[in-house]
Amino acid sequence: MNDHPAVDIHALRQIGWDNWDPIGIRQIDDVAWRSTAADEYDTYLFHVANMILGGTTSDEAAAYLDRIASDNMAVGPVKEAGHHASLRTVEAISAYMLDNGSNS
């Protein structure tokens, strides 16, 4: 799924949990369930990283995360705060990749 070896899933996961956690997996005590949900987040976050590497704009990548939350996670329409979380996540992934040379 991820064609770029410099993208670290642990870094992406931390970014996602810190900025974009639409179903609140950080707060779940069930470790097995949290692990399954984390794997699902990983898929979306890797996709965002690849979108960024492919030249997708931050707004387009944030809209992708909004659609994931709304449609795949069934949290309903994404409100302004949710969109800001998506945008923060995309910007944090972009900054991480820039700091780690993934965009070169």
PDB file of N, CA and C in Angstrom:
ATOM      1  N   MET A   1       0.828  -1.196   0.000  1.00  0.00           N
ATOM      2  CA  MET A   1       0.000   0.000   0.000  1.00  0.00           C
ATOM      3  C   MET A   1       0.865   1.250   0.000  1.00  0.00           C
ATOM      4  N   ASN A   2       1.938   1.259   0.796  1.00  0.00           N
ATOM      5  CA  ASN A   2       2.828   2.402   0.838  1.00  0.00           C
ATOM      6  C   ASN A   2       4.067   2.078   0.034  1.00  0.00           C
ATOM      7  N   ASP A   3       4.315   2.835  -1.034  1.00  0.00           N
ATOM      8  CA  ASP A   3       5.451   2.594  -1.893  1.00  0.00           C
ATOM      9  C   ASP A   3       6.684   3.359  -1.455  1.00  0.00           C
ATOM     10  N   HIS A   4       6.604   4.151  -0.417  1.00  0.00           N
ATOM     11  CA  HIS A   4       7.715   4.983   0.002  1.00  0.00           C
ATOM     12  C   HIS A   4       8.230   4.515   1.357  1.00  0.00           C
ATOM     13  N   PRO A   5       9.412   3.876   1.387  1.00  0.00           N
ATOM     14  CA  PRO A   5       9.899   3.285   2.635  1.00  0.00           C
ATOM     15  C   PRO A   5      10.211   4.287   3.728  1.00  0.00           C
ATOM     16  N   ALA A   6      10.379   5.581   3.395  1.00  0.00           N
ATOM     17  CA  ALA A   6      10.736   6.568   4.407  1.00  0.00           C
ATOM     18  C   ALA A   6       9.548   6.989   5.266  1.00  0.00           C
ATOM     19  N   VAL A   7       8.355   6.574   4.911  1.00  0.00           N
ATOM     20  CA  VAL A   7       7.167   6.938   5.678  1.00  0.00           C
ATOM     21  C   VAL A   7       6.992   5.926   6.801  1.00  0.00           C
ATOM     22  N   ASP A   8       7.126   6.391   8.030  1.00  0.00           N
ATOM     23  CA  ASP A   8       7.075   5.542   9.217  1.00  0.00           C
ATOM     24  C   ASP A   8       5.651   5.486   9.769  1.00  0.00           C
ATOM     25  N   ILE A   9       5.090   4.281   9.837  1.00  0.00           N
ATOM     26  CA  ILE A   9       3.712   4.135  10.316  1.00  0.00           C
ATOM     27  C   ILE A   9       3.548   4.617  11.751  1.00  0.00           C
ATOM     28  N   HIS A  10       4.558   4.437  12.566  1.00  0.00           N
ATOM     29  CA  HIS A  10       4.436   4.875  13.962  1.00  0.00           C
ATOM     30  C   HIS A  10       4.316   6.398  14.046  1.00  0.00           C
ATOM     31  N   ALA A  11       5.058   7.098  13.199  1.00  0.00           N
ATOM     32  CA  ALA A  11       4.954   8.560  13.158  1.00  0.00           C
ATOM     33  C   ALA A  11       3.592   8.984  12.624  1.00  0.00           C
ATOM     34  N   LEU A  12       3.139   8.316  11.550  1.00  0.00           N
ATOM     35  CA  LEU A  12       1.818   8.650  11.001  1.00  0.00           C
ATOM     36  C   LEU A  12       0.723   8.378  12.017  1.00  0.00           C
ATOM     37  N   ARG A  13       0.825   7.244  12.704  1.00  0.00           N
ATOM     38  CA  ARG A  13      -0.192   6.884  13.692  1.00  0.00           C
ATOM     39  C   ARG A  13      -0.248   7.931  14.802  1.00  0.00           C
ATOM     40  N   GLN A  14       0.898   8.383  15.265  1.00  0.00           N
ATOM     41  CA  GLN A  14       0.919   9.400  16.324  1.00  0.00           C
ATOM     42  C   GLN A  14       0.286  10.696  15.831  1.00  0.00           C
ATOM     43  N   ILE A  15       0.604  11.070  14.602  1.00  0.00           N
ATOM     44  CA  ILE A  15      -0.005  12.269  14.013  1.00  0.00           C
ATOM     45  C   ILE A  15      -1.523  12.105  13.955  1.00  0.00           C
ATOM     46  N   GLY A  16      -1.972  10.963  13.485  1.00  0.00           N
ATOM     47  CA  GLY A  16      -3.405  10.721  13.383  1.00  0.00           C
ATOM     48  C   GLY A  16      -4.097  10.765  14.722  1.00  0.00           C
ATOM     49  N   TRP A  17      -3.492  10.125  15.710  1.00  0.00           N
ATOM     50  CA  TRP A  17      -4.122  10.101  17.035  1.00  0.00           C
ATOM     51  C   TRP A  17      -4.086  11.472  17.699  1.00  0.00           C
ATOM     52  N   ASP A  18      -3.029  12.230  17.448  1.00  0.00           N
ATOM     53  CA  ASP A  18      -2.919  13.562  18.048  1.00  0.00           C
ATOM     54  C   ASP A  18      -3.853  14.574  17.389  1.00  0.00           C
ATOM     55  N   ASN A  19      -4.127  14.396  16.092  1.00  0.00           N
ATOM     56  CA  ASN A  19      -4.854  15.419  15.343  1.00  0.00           C
ATOM     57  C   ASN A  19      -6.205  14.978  14.798  1.00  0.00           C
ATOM     58  N   TRP A  20      -6.318  13.716  14.406  1.00  0.00           N
ATOM     59  CA  TRP A  20      -7.515  13.241  13.698  1.00  0.00           C
ATOM     60  C   TRP A  20      -7.910  11.894  14.279  1.00  0.00           C
ATOM     61  N   ASP A  21      -8.817  11.911  15.171  1.00  0.00           N
ATOM     62  CA  ASP A  21      -9.258  10.676  15.832  1.00  0.00           C
ATOM     63  C   ASP A  21     -10.786  10.693  15.876  1.00  0.00           C
ATOM     64  N   PRO A  22     -11.432  10.575  14.702  1.00  0.00           N
ATOM     65  CA  PRO A  22     -12.877  10.783  14.643  1.00  0.00           C
ATOM     66  C   PRO A  22     -13.707   9.789  15.453  1.00  0.00           C
ATOM     67  N   ILE A  23     -13.178   8.605  15.719  1.00  0.00           N
ATOM     68  CA  ILE A  23     -13.956   7.648  16.518  1.00  0.00           C
ATOM     69  C   ILE A  23     -13.387   7.469  17.920  1.00  0.00           C
ATOM     70  N   GLY A  24     -12.397   8.275  18.286  1.00  0.00           N
ATOM     71  CA  GLY A  24     -11.896   8.282  19.651  1.00  0.00           C
ATOM     72  C   GLY A  24     -11.166   7.025  20.096  1.00  0.00           C
ATOM     73  N   ILE A  25     -10.321   6.447  19.230  1.00  0.00           N
ATOM     74  CA  ILE A  25      -9.658   5.200  19.616  1.00  0.00           C
ATOM     75  C   ILE A  25      -8.627   5.395  20.722  1.00  0.00           C
ATOM     76  N   ARG A  26      -8.135   6.602  20.897  1.00  0.00           N
ATOM     77  CA  ARG A  26      -7.175   6.840  21.989  1.00  0.00           C
ATOM     78  C   ARG A  26      -7.797   6.542  23.346  1.00  0.00           C
ATOM     79  N   GLN A  27      -9.094   6.683  23.437  1.00  0.00           N
ATOM     80  CA  GLN A  27      -9.766   6.576  24.731  1.00  0.00           C
ATOM     81  C   GLN A  27     -10.334   5.186  25.002  1.00  0.00           C
ATOM     82  N   ILE A  28     -10.131   4.245  24.100  1.00  0.00           N
ATOM     83  CA  ILE A  28     -10.689   2.901  24.254  1.00  0.00           C
ATOM     84  C   ILE A  28      -9.752   2.054  25.095  1.00  0.00           C
ATOM     85  N   ASP A  29     -10.302   1.387  26.106  1.00  0.00           N
ATOM     86  CA  ASP A  29      -9.497   0.530  26.972  1.00  0.00           C
ATOM     87  C   ASP A  29      -9.241  -0.851  26.372  1.00  0.00           C
ATOM     88  N   ASP A  30     -10.071  -1.282  25.453  1.00  0.00           N
ATOM     89  CA  ASP A  30      -9.943  -2.596  24.831  1.00  0.00           C
ATOM     90  C   ASP A  30      -8.774  -2.570  23.835  1.00  0.00           C
ATOM     91  N   VAL A  31      -7.644  -3.149  24.227  1.00  0.00           N
ATOM     92  CA  VAL A  31      -6.429  -3.091  23.431  1.00  0.00           C
ATOM     93  C   VAL A  31      -6.614  -3.761  22.065  1.00  0.00           C
ATOM     94  N   ALA A  32      -7.291  -4.891  22.017  1.00  0.00           N
ATOM     95  CA  ALA A  32      -7.500  -5.597  20.747  1.00  0.00           C
ATOM     96  C   ALA A  32      -8.323  -4.746  19.789  1.00  0.00           C
ATOM     97  N   TRP A  33      -9.392  -4.137  20.288  1.00  0.00           N
ATOM     98  CA  TRP A  33     -10.227  -3.286  19.435  1.00  0.00           C
ATOM     99  C   TRP A  33      -9.432  -2.071  18.983  1.00  0.00           C
ATOM    100  N   ARG A  34      -8.680  -1.463  19.900  1.00  0.00           N
ATOM    101  CA  ARG A  34      -7.888  -0.278  19.557  1.00  0.00           C
ATOM    102  C   ARG A  34      -6.860  -0.624  18.481  1.00  0.00           C
ATOM    103  N   SER A  35      -6.271  -1.802  18.552  1.00  0.00           N
ATOM    104  CA  SER A  35      -5.293  -2.236  17.563  1.00  0.00           C
ATOM    105  C   SER A  35      -5.943  -2.383  16.182  1.00  0.00           C
ATOM    106  N   THR A  36      -7.130  -2.970  16.144  1.00  0.00           N
ATOM    107  CA  THR A  36      -7.853  -3.119  14.877  1.00  0.00           C
ATOM    108  C   THR A  36      -8.185  -1.747  14.296  1.00  0.00           C
ATOM    109  N   ALA A  37      -8.660  -0.856  15.136  1.00  0.00           N
ATOM    110  CA  ALA A  37      -8.987   0.496  14.675  1.00  0.00           C
ATOM    111  C   ALA A  37      -7.723   1.221  14.209  1.00  0.00           C
ATOM    112  N   ALA A  38      -6.619   1.015  14.909  1.00  0.00           N
ATOM    113  CA  ALA A  38      -5.364   1.645  14.516  1.00  0.00           C
ATOM    114  C   ALA A  38      -4.947   1.178  13.128  1.00  0.00           C
ATOM    115  N   ASP A  39      -5.125  -0.107  12.850  1.00  0.00           N
ATOM    116  CA  ASP A  39      -4.805  -0.621  11.515  1.00  0.00           C
ATOM    117  C   ASP A  39      -5.649   0.075  10.452  1.00  0.00           C
ATOM    118  N   GLU A  40      -6.912   0.314  10.771  1.00  0.00           N
ATOM    119  CA  GLU A  40      -7.785   1.015   9.827  1.00  0.00           C
ATOM    120  C   GLU A  40      -7.282   2.442   9.619  1.00  0.00           C
ATOM    121  N   TYR A  41      -6.946   3.140  10.705  1.00  0.00           N
ATOM    122  CA  TYR A  41      -6.400   4.489  10.585  1.00  0.00           C
ATOM    123  C   TYR A  41      -5.137   4.474   9.729  1.00  0.00           C
ATOM    124  N   ASP A  42      -4.272   3.458   9.951  1.00  0.00           N
ATOM    125  CA  ASP A  42      -3.012   3.371   9.206  1.00  0.00           C
ATOM    126  C   ASP A  42      -3.269   3.434   7.706  1.00  0.00           C
ATOM    127  N   THR A  43      -4.254   2.694   7.254  1.00  0.00           N
ATOM    128  CA  THR A  43      -4.589   2.663   5.835  1.00  0.00           C
ATOM    129  C   THR A  43      -4.896   4.066   5.326  1.00  0.00           C
ATOM    130  N   TYR A  44      -5.714   4.797   6.054  1.00  0.00           N
ATOM    131  CA  TYR A  44      -6.096   6.141   5.633  1.00  0.00           C
ATOM    132  C   TYR A  44      -4.912   7.106   5.686  1.00  0.00           C
ATOM    133  N   LEU A  45      -4.100   6.999   6.726  1.00  0.00           N
ATOM    134  CA  LEU A  45      -2.969   7.910   6.884  1.00  0.00           C
ATOM    135  C   LEU A  45      -1.891   7.646   5.837  1.00  0.00           C
ATOM    136  N   PHE A  46      -1.649   6.374   5.522  1.00  0.00           N
ATOM    137  CA  PHE A  46      -0.723   6.057   4.426  1.00  0.00           C
ATOM    138  C   PHE A  46      -1.244   6.623   3.110  1.00  0.00           C
ATOM    139  N   HIS A  47      -2.546   6.530   2.905  1.00  0.00           N
ATOM    140  CA  HIS A  47      -3.128   7.067   1.682  1.00  0.00           C
ATOM    141  C   HIS A  47      -2.896   8.576   1.610  1.00  0.00           C
ATOM    142  N   VAL A  48      -3.095   9.260   2.717  1.00  0.00           N
ATOM    143  CA  VAL A  48      -2.847  10.707   2.746  1.00  0.00           C
ATOM    144  C   VAL A  48      -1.379  10.989   2.434  1.00  0.00           C
ATOM    145  N   ALA A  49      -0.466  10.236   3.033  1.00  0.00           N
ATOM    146  CA  ALA A  49       0.963  10.432   2.760  1.00  0.00           C
ATOM    147  C   ALA A  49       1.251  10.259   1.266  1.00  0.00           C
ATOM    148  N   ASN A  50       0.667   9.238   0.666  1.00  0.00           N
ATOM    149  CA  ASN A  50       0.866   9.014  -0.765  1.00  0.00           C
ATOM    150  C   ASN A  50       0.209  10.096  -1.603  1.00  0.00           C
ATOM    151  N   MET A  51      -0.933  10.606  -1.139  1.00  0.00           N
ATOM    152  CA  MET A  51      -1.570  11.724  -1.844  1.00  0.00           C
ATOM    153  C   MET A  51      -0.632  12.930  -1.855  1.00  0.00           C
ATOM    154  N   ILE A  52      -0.035  13.210  -0.707  1.00  0.00           N
ATOM    155  CA  ILE A  52       0.876  14.352  -0.590  1.00  0.00           C
ATOM    156  C   ILE A  52       2.089  14.143  -1.493  1.00  0.00           C
ATOM    157  N   LEU A  53       2.650  12.940  -1.466  1.00  0.00           N
ATOM    158  CA  LEU A  53       3.791  12.637  -2.329  1.00  0.00           C
ATOM    159  C   LEU A  53       3.424  12.791  -3.801  1.00  0.00           C
ATOM    160  N   GLY A  54       2.157  12.537  -4.118  1.00  0.00           N
ATOM    161  CA  GLY A  54       1.691  12.657  -5.496  1.00  0.00           C
ATOM    162  C   GLY A  54       1.301  14.069  -5.898  1.00  0.00           C
ATOM    163  N   GLY A  55       1.419  15.023  -4.983  1.00  0.00           N
ATOM    164  CA  GLY A  55       1.137  16.411  -5.317  1.00  0.00           C
ATOM    165  C   GLY A  55      -0.271  16.888  -5.003  1.00  0.00           C
ATOM    166  N   THR A  56      -1.055  16.072  -4.309  1.00  0.00           N
ATOM    167  CA  THR A  56      -2.402  16.485  -3.912  1.00  0.00           C
ATOM    168  C   THR A  56      -2.311  17.673  -2.960  1.00  0.00           C
ATOM    169  N   THR A  57      -3.221  18.609  -3.072  1.00  0.00           N
ATOM    170  CA  THR A  57      -3.221  19.763  -2.170  1.00  0.00           C
ATOM    171  C   THR A  57      -3.671  19.349  -0.769  1.00  0.00           C
ATOM    172  N   SER A  58      -3.328  20.162   0.194  1.00  0.00           N
ATOM    173  CA  SER A  58      -3.755  19.919   1.577  1.00  0.00           C
ATOM    174  C   SER A  58      -5.272  19.896   1.692  1.00  0.00           C
ATOM    175  N   ASP A  59      -5.936  20.794   0.986  1.00  0.00           N
ATOM    176  CA  ASP A  59      -7.400  20.828   1.040  1.00  0.00           C
ATOM    177  C   ASP A  59      -8.014  19.546   0.486  1.00  0.00           C
ATOM    178  N   GLU A  60      -7.450  19.025  -0.602  1.00  0.00           N
ATOM    179  CA  GLU A  60      -7.969  17.782  -1.191  1.00  0.00           C
ATOM    180  C   GLU A  60      -7.726  16.595  -0.267  1.00  0.00           C
ATOM    181  N   ALA A  61      -6.554  16.542   0.345  1.00  0.00           N
ATOM    182  CA  ALA A  61      -6.246  15.445   1.264  1.00  0.00           C
ATOM    183  C   ALA A  61      -7.123  15.523   2.513  1.00  0.00           C
ATOM    184  N   ALA A  62      -7.363  16.739   3.007  1.00  0.00           N
ATOM    185  CA  ALA A  62      -8.252  16.911   4.163  1.00  0.00           C
ATOM    186  C   ALA A  62      -9.675  16.498   3.810  1.00  0.00           C
ATOM    187  N   ALA A  63     -10.105  16.813   2.601  1.00  0.00           N
ATOM    188  CA  ALA A  63     -11.445  16.407   2.163  1.00  0.00           C
ATOM    189  C   ALA A  63     -11.549  14.877   2.118  1.00  0.00           C
ATOM    190  N   TYR A  64     -10.473  14.209   1.729  1.00  0.00           N
ATOM    191  CA  TYR A  64     -10.449  12.742   1.754  1.00  0.00           C
ATOM    192  C   TYR A  64     -10.688  12.234   3.181  1.00  0.00           C
ATOM    193  N   LEU A  65      -9.966  12.796   4.158  1.00  0.00           N
ATOM    194  CA  LEU A  65     -10.161  12.375   5.552  1.00  0.00           C
ATOM    195  C   LEU A  65     -11.576  12.687   6.030  1.00  0.00           C
ATOM    196  N   ASP A  66     -12.119  13.805   5.597  1.00  0.00           N
ATOM    197  CA  ASP A  66     -13.501  14.139   5.949  1.00  0.00           C
ATOM    198  C   ASP A  66     -14.466  13.078   5.415  1.00  0.00           C
ATOM    199  N   ARG A  67     -14.249  12.658   4.166  1.00  0.00           N
ATOM    200  CA  ARG A  67     -15.111  11.621   3.578  1.00  0.00           C
ATOM    201  C   ARG A  67     -14.964  10.293   4.319  1.00  0.00           C
ATOM    202  N   ILE A  68     -13.753   9.960   4.703  1.00  0.00           N
ATOM    203  CA  ILE A  68     -13.528   8.719   5.462  1.00  0.00           C
ATOM    204  C   ILE A  68     -14.319   8.769   6.763  1.00  0.00           C
ATOM    205  N   ALA A  69     -14.197   9.868   7.497  1.00  0.00           N
ATOM    206  CA  ALA A  69     -14.904   9.994   8.777  1.00  0.00           C
ATOM    207  C   ALA A  69     -16.409   9.943   8.569  1.00  0.00           C
ATOM    208  N   SER A  70     -16.879  10.651   7.582  1.00  0.00           N
ATOM    209  CA  SER A  70     -18.314  10.740   7.337  1.00  0.00           C
ATOM    210  C   SER A  70     -18.899   9.438   6.799  1.00  0.00           C
ATOM    211  N   ASP A  71     -18.246   8.865   5.794  1.00  0.00           N
ATOM    212  CA  ASP A  71     -18.813   7.712   5.092  1.00  0.00           C
ATOM    213  C   ASP A  71     -18.355   6.370   5.671  1.00  0.00           C
ATOM    214  N   ASN A  72     -17.045   6.168   5.771  1.00  0.00           N
ATOM    215  CA  ASN A  72     -16.518   4.878   6.225  1.00  0.00           C
ATOM    216  C   ASN A  72     -16.688   4.658   7.720  1.00  0.00           C
ATOM    217  N   MET A  73     -16.545   5.723   8.500  1.00  0.00           N
ATOM    218  CA  MET A  73     -16.651   5.596   9.951  1.00  0.00           C
ATOM    219  C   MET A  73     -18.039   5.980  10.459  1.00  0.00           C
ATOM    220  N   ALA A  74     -18.866   6.436   9.552  1.00  0.00           N
ATOM    221  CA  ALA A  74     -20.262   6.753   9.840  1.00  0.00           C
ATOM    222  C   ALA A  74     -20.450   7.693  11.023  1.00  0.00           C
ATOM    223  N   VAL A  75     -19.597   8.715  11.101  1.00  0.00           N
ATOM    224  CA  VAL A  75     -19.768   9.689  12.179  1.00  0.00           C
ATOM    225  C   VAL A  75     -20.706  10.819  11.780  1.00  0.00           C
ATOM    226  N   GLY A  76     -21.222  10.743  10.570  1.00  0.00           N
ATOM    227  CA  GLY A  76     -22.130  11.781  10.101  1.00  0.00           C
ATOM    228  C   GLY A  76     -21.362  12.893   9.422  1.00  0.00           C
ATOM    229  N   PRO A  77     -22.067  13.915   9.001  1.00  0.00           N
ATOM    230  CA  PRO A  77     -21.405  15.033   8.314  1.00  0.00           C
ATOM    231  C   PRO A  77     -20.308  15.638   9.188  1.00  0.00           C
ATOM    232  N   VAL A  78     -19.192  15.920   8.578  1.00  0.00           N
ATOM    233  CA  VAL A  78     -18.055  16.494   9.302  1.00  0.00           C
ATOM    234  C   VAL A  78     -18.308  17.972   9.515  1.00  0.00           C
ATOM    235  N   LYS A  79     -18.270  18.367  10.761  1.00  0.00           N
ATOM    236  CA  LYS A  79     -18.473  19.775  11.117  1.00  0.00           C
ATOM    237  C   LYS A  79     -17.151  20.523  10.985  1.00  0.00           C
ATOM    238  N   GLU A  80     -17.186  21.808  11.202  1.00  0.00           N
ATOM    239  CA  GLU A  80     -16.008  22.654  11.028  1.00  0.00           C
ATOM    240  C   GLU A  80     -14.820  22.162  11.865  1.00  0.00           C
ATOM    241  N   ALA A  81     -15.059  21.821  13.118  1.00  0.00           N
ATOM    242  CA  ALA A  81     -13.964  21.353  13.978  1.00  0.00           C
ATOM    243  C   ALA A  81     -13.355  20.059  13.435  1.00  0.00           C
ATOM    244  N   GLY A  82     -14.177  19.190  12.903  1.00  0.00           N
ATOM    245  CA  GLY A  82     -13.683  17.951  12.310  1.00  0.00           C
ATOM    246  C   GLY A  82     -12.846  18.210  11.073  1.00  0.00           C
ATOM    247  N   HIS A  83     -13.291  19.166  10.269  1.00  0.00           N
ATOM    248  CA  HIS A  83     -12.516  19.510   9.075  1.00  0.00           C
ATOM    249  C   HIS A  83     -11.173  20.108   9.471  1.00  0.00           C
ATOM    250  N   HIS A  84     -11.165  20.948  10.491  1.00  0.00           N
ATOM    251  CA  HIS A  84      -9.895  21.525  10.954  1.00  0.00           C
ATOM    252  C   HIS A  84      -8.963  20.420  11.442  1.00  0.00           C
ATOM    253  N   ALA A  85      -9.514  19.402  12.085  1.00  0.00           N
ATOM    254  CA  ALA A  85      -8.702  18.260  12.527  1.00  0.00           C
ATOM    255  C   ALA A  85      -8.108  17.532  11.322  1.00  0.00           C
ATOM    256  N   SER A  86      -8.908  17.366  10.282  1.00  0.00           N
ATOM    257  CA  SER A  86      -8.413  16.725   9.055  1.00  0.00           C
ATOM    258  C   SER A  86      -7.290  17.552   8.439  1.00  0.00           C
ATOM    259  N   LEU A  87      -7.494  18.846   8.367  1.00  0.00           N
ATOM    260  CA  LEU A  87      -6.489  19.730   7.777  1.00  0.00           C
ATOM    261  C   LEU A  87      -5.210  19.754   8.610  1.00  0.00           C
ATOM    262  N   ARG A  88      -5.349  19.803   9.941  1.00  0.00           N
ATOM    263  CA  ARG A  88      -4.173  19.747  10.821  1.00  0.00           C
ATOM    264  C   ARG A  88      -3.394  18.450  10.610  1.00  0.00           C
ATOM    265  N   THR A  89      -4.125  17.367  10.432  1.00  0.00           N
ATOM    266  CA  THR A  89      -3.491  16.074  10.212  1.00  0.00           C
ATOM    267  C   THR A  89      -2.688  16.073   8.927  1.00  0.00           C
ATOM    268  N   VAL A  90      -3.286  16.558   7.864  1.00  0.00           N
ATOM    269  CA  VAL A  90      -2.602  16.622   6.573  1.00  0.00           C
ATOM    270  C   VAL A  90      -1.365  17.508   6.678  1.00  0.00           C
ATOM    271  N   GLU A  91      -1.502  18.653   7.319  1.00  0.00           N
ATOM    272  CA  GLU A  91      -0.363  19.563   7.464  1.00  0.00           C
ATOM    273  C   GLU A  91       0.738  18.941   8.311  1.00  0.00           C
ATOM    274  N   ALA A  92       0.360  18.194   9.353  1.00  0.00           N
ATOM    275  CA  ALA A  92       1.355  17.520  10.191  1.00  0.00           C
ATOM    276  C   ALA A  92       2.060  16.402   9.424  1.00  0.00           C
ATOM    277  N   ILE A  93       1.314  15.661   8.612  1.00  0.00           N
ATOM    278  CA  ILE A  93       1.942  14.617   7.790  1.00  0.00           C
ATOM    279  C   ILE A  93       2.888  15.260   6.779  1.00  0.00           C
ATOM    280  N   SER A  94       2.479  16.344   6.160  1.00  0.00           N
ATOM    281  CA  SER A  94       3.340  17.052   5.199  1.00  0.00           C
ATOM    282  C   SER A  94       4.622  17.527   5.880  1.00  0.00           C
ATOM    283  N   ALA A  95       4.491  18.110   7.067  1.00  0.00           N
ATOM    284  CA  ALA A  95       5.659  18.599   7.802  1.00  0.00           C
ATOM    285  C   ALA A  95       6.574  17.445   8.190  1.00  0.00           C
ATOM    286  N   TYR A  96       5.984  16.339   8.650  1.00  0.00           N
ATOM    287  CA  TYR A  96       6.778  15.163   9.001  1.00  0.00           C
ATOM    288  C   TYR A  96       7.579  14.681   7.788  1.00  0.00           C
ATOM    289  N   MET A  97       6.923  14.598   6.651  1.00  0.00           N
ATOM    290  CA  MET A  97       7.580  14.084   5.451  1.00  0.00           C
ATOM    291  C   MET A  97       8.672  15.053   4.983  1.00  0.00           C
ATOM    292  N   LEU A  98       8.422  16.326   5.094  1.00  0.00           N
ATOM    293  CA  LEU A  98       9.416  17.324   4.721  1.00  0.00           C
ATOM    294  C   LEU A  98      10.628  17.241   5.653  1.00  0.00           C
ATOM    295  N   ASP A  99      10.368  17.142   6.957  1.00  0.00           N
ATOM    296  CA  ASP A  99      11.449  17.046   7.947  1.00  0.00           C
ATOM    297  C   ASP A  99      12.281  15.784   7.776  1.00  0.00           C
ATOM    298  N   ASN A 100      11.663  14.722   7.259  1.00  0.00           N
ATOM    299  CA  ASN A 100      12.353  13.446   7.114  1.00  0.00           C
ATOM    300  C   ASN A 100      12.794  13.160   5.689  1.00  0.00           C
ATOM    301  N   GLY A 101      12.712  14.149   4.829  1.00  0.00           N
ATOM    302  CA  GLY A 101      13.207  14.020   3.473  1.00  0.00           C
ATOM    303  C   GLY A 101      12.357  13.166   2.556  1.00  0.00           C
ATOM    304  N   SER A 102      11.118  12.893   2.932  1.00  0.00           N
ATOM    305  CA  SER A 102      10.274  12.037   2.107  1.00  0.00           C
ATOM    306  C   SER A 102       9.765  12.739   0.865  1.00  0.00           C
ATOM    307  N   ASN A 103       9.823  14.041   0.834  1.00  0.00           N
ATOM    308  CA  ASN A 103       9.308  14.759  -0.337  1.00  0.00           C
ATOM    309  C   ASN A 103      10.374  15.016  -1.372  1.00  0.00           C
ATOM    310  N   SER A 104      11.605  14.630  -1.098  1.00  0.00           N
ATOM    311  CA  SER A 104      12.657  14.931  -2.074  1.00  0.00           C
ATOM    312  C   SER A 104      12.861  13.837  -3.078  1.00  0.00           C
TER     313      SER A 104
END
